Amino acid sequence: MSELTPYLCVADAHAAIAWYVDVLGAEVVYAPVLMDDGRVGHCELAVDGARWMMSDEFDAAGVAAPPPDRGACVSLHLSVADDARLDDLAARVVAAGTPMTRGPEDSPPAGRVAVFTDPFGHRWFLNRPAG
């Protein structure tokens, strides 16, 4: 079986962990590995079982956060079980000061969708699939 797991880089992993936990209800499933300088070298989070890995920036490893002056080159697609869950997540994102760039809205044939870019430059596509 194959699996593709996103590995995000952010400029402040401690703040990102707190935001993803507080706003998206993420669970830290692999505790942060802290480097000697306090940066996060690796951690893993999950929302409703959907996992991703994350670290701070590391020039020596060629790992950098998305530049804030351009759009995201990758979108994270998070499927949710029902409209209420999608609408709740979207409301939490907006309440945290992050605007929706789309939705939440019904968008046949995709289902219900909402799109936002988190404070760390990563674009998220929330989706309750149709059918």
Protein backbone atom coordinates (compact mmCIF):
# COMPACT_ATOMS: atom_id res chain seq x y z
CA MET A 1 0.00 0.00 0.00
CA SER A 2 1.27 3.47 -0.84
CA GLU A 3 0.80 6.61 1.18
CA LEU A 4 1.68 10.22 0.44
CA THR A 5 2.15 12.39 3.52
CA PRO A 6 2.78 16.13 3.22
CA TYR A 7 5.82 17.52 5.04
CA LEU A 8 5.28 21.22 5.72
CA CYS A 9 7.92 23.77 6.52
CA VAL A 10 6.97 26.87 8.50
CA ALA A 11 8.86 29.90 9.79
CA ASP A 12 7.67 29.28 13.39
CA ALA A 13 6.75 25.66 14.10
CA HIS A 14 5.88 26.31 17.75
CA ALA A 15 3.27 28.90 16.69
CA ALA A 16 2.06 26.65 13.85
CA ILE A 17 1.56 23.69 16.17
CA ALA A 18 -0.47 25.87 18.54
CA TRP A 19 -2.57 27.27 15.66
CA TYR A 20 -3.29 23.87 14.11
CA VAL A 21 -4.23 22.43 17.52
CA ASP A 22 -6.36 25.40 18.60
CA VAL A 23 -8.03 26.21 15.29
CA LEU A 24 -8.19 22.95 13.33
CA GLY A 25 -8.43 20.71 16.38
CA ALA A 26 -5.27 18.88 15.33
CA GLU A 27 -3.71 16.26 17.53
CA VAL A 28 0.05 16.10 17.98
CA VAL A 29 0.73 12.46 17.09
CA TYR A 30 4.54 12.66 17.17
CA ALA A 31 5.90 15.11 19.72
CA PRO A 32 8.21 17.83 18.43
CA VAL A 33 11.89 16.91 18.16
CA LEU A 34 13.69 20.04 19.32
CA MET A 35 17.05 21.06 17.95
CA ASP A 36 19.77 22.58 20.13
CA ASP A 37 18.64 26.08 19.12
CA GLY A 38 14.99 25.34 20.07
CA ARG A 39 13.67 24.98 16.52
CA VAL A 40 11.41 22.06 15.70
CA GLY A 41 13.31 19.51 13.62
CA HIS A 42 10.30 17.25 13.17
CA CYS A 43 6.76 16.72 14.46
CA GLU A 44 3.58 15.10 13.21
CA LEU A 45 -0.01 16.27 13.51
CA ALA A 46 -3.39 14.90 12.47
CA VAL A 47 -6.95 16.13 11.98
CA ASP A 48 -9.54 13.37 12.06
CA GLY A 49 -6.77 10.87 11.28
CA ALA A 50 -5.33 12.83 8.31
CA ARG A 51 -1.62 13.22 9.13
CA TRP A 52 1.11 15.58 8.09
CA MET A 53 4.70 16.19 9.15
CA MET A 54 6.21 19.58 9.88
CA SER A 55 9.43 21.36 10.77
CA ASP A 56 10.93 24.80 11.10
CA GLU A 57 13.08 26.22 8.33
CA PHE A 58 16.61 24.82 7.95
CA ASP A 59 18.86 26.53 5.41
CA ALA A 60 21.47 23.76 5.68
CA ALA A 61 18.87 21.19 4.59
CA GLY A 62 17.34 23.39 1.90
CA VAL A 63 14.01 23.55 3.75
CA ALA A 64 12.12 26.85 3.68
CA ALA A 65 8.62 28.09 4.43
CA PRO A 66 6.46 29.46 1.59
CA PRO A 67 7.40 33.06 0.73
CA PRO A 68 4.65 35.37 2.03
CA ASP A 69 4.76 37.52 -1.13
CA ARG A 70 3.40 34.86 -3.51
CA GLY A 71 0.59 32.32 -3.68
CA ALA A 72 0.86 28.75 -2.46
CA CYS A 73 2.23 26.24 -4.96
CA VAL A 74 0.56 23.27 -3.21
CA SER A 75 -2.87 22.90 -1.60
CA LEU A 76 -3.67 20.55 1.24
CA HIS A 77 -6.98 18.76 0.68
CA LEU A 78 -8.74 17.71 3.90
CA SER A 79 -11.89 15.61 3.50
CA VAL A 80 -14.42 15.89 6.31
CA ALA A 81 -17.35 13.66 7.20
CA ASP A 82 -20.25 16.10 6.94
CA ASP A 83 -21.37 19.67 6.31
CA ALA A 84 -21.49 20.52 10.02
CA ARG A 85 -17.83 19.51 10.49
CA LEU A 86 -16.75 21.55 7.46
CA ASP A 87 -18.74 24.60 8.55
CA ASP A 88 -17.37 24.32 12.10
CA LEU A 89 -13.77 24.18 10.88
CA ALA A 90 -14.36 27.14 8.55
CA ALA A 91 -15.91 29.15 11.38
CA ARG A 92 -12.96 28.38 13.67
CA VAL A 93 -10.51 29.50 10.98
CA VAL A 94 -12.38 32.78 10.48
CA ALA A 95 -12.71 33.34 14.25
CA ALA A 96 -8.92 32.99 14.50
CA GLY A 97 -8.53 35.90 12.06
CA THR A 98 -7.88 33.95 8.86
CA PRO A 99 -10.29 34.79 6.04
CA MET A 100 -11.81 32.23 3.72
CA THR A 101 -10.77 32.67 0.10
CA ARG A 102 -13.75 30.54 -0.92
CA GLY A 103 -16.87 29.25 0.84
CA PRO A 104 -17.99 27.44 2.70
CA GLU A 105 -20.29 26.64 -0.18
CA ASP A 106 -21.94 23.78 -2.01
CA SER A 107 -20.00 23.21 -5.21
CA PRO A 108 -21.34 20.37 -7.37
CA PRO A 109 -19.90 17.97 -8.28
CA ALA A 110 -17.18 18.39 -5.62
CA GLY A 111 -19.54 18.60 -2.64
CA ARG A 112 -19.22 21.25 0.05
CA VAL A 113 -15.97 23.24 0.03
CA ALA A 114 -14.08 25.96 1.86
CA VAL A 115 -10.62 27.28 1.07
CA PHE A 116 -8.19 29.34 3.16
CA THR A 117 -4.48 30.06 3.47
CA ASP A 118 -3.23 29.55 7.00
CA PRO A 119 -1.00 32.13 8.75
CA PHE A 120 2.06 30.08 7.74
CA GLY A 121 1.45 30.31 3.99
CA HIS A 122 -0.14 26.90 3.38
CA ARG A 123 -3.39 26.71 1.36
CA TRP A 124 -6.07 24.33 2.70
CA PHE A 125 -9.06 22.98 0.78
CA LEU A 126 -11.75 21.63 3.12
CA ASN A 127 -14.14 19.26 1.38
CA ARG A 128 -17.17 17.19 2.24
CA PRO A 129 -17.28 15.05 -0.89
CA ALA A 130 -20.55 14.74 -2.80
CA GLY A 131 -22.47 11.50 -2.70
